[in-house]
């Protein structure tokens, strides 16, 4: 049995959807690490940027090369994640909101990834986190709308 008692990767926990990225070469600081948000579709434009080549027009991602040069995140402020029609998530400011719709029931999880990197303790019911939960839900809806993802609109 895998993490969270799951046998597969059909979920939006970091152990299933986070992909490490390792790069080495000229202009890339040796031994440096970054914990910035990026999509896999950002890899090609980043490599093109590092090599001084134009990214192909068909590439939808954005280069995160400037974030490699400094420890400041100058790339993405948040990530929108989805699995099928039943799960959506948003990572922002070290937090992750996961929303599930199973049948006619909505389930929510909220994690502080700095304090709880294994995503074991949901904070979604904590009174002190209600404003954050509301803000992350609004950001998730905004990202879904920008990406033309119709699923969250039907969750109610």
Foldseek 3Di string as FASTA:
>chain_A
DDAPPDDALQDPQCVRPPDDDDDDDPLADPPDDEDEDADPLQVQCQVCVVVVHHRDPVRDGHHQSVCRNDRDRPHDQKDWDDGDLFWIWMDGPQKMWIWGQDPLDIDIFIDNCVVCVSRDDGCCPPPVCVVVVVVRVVVNVVVCVVVVNCRVVVND
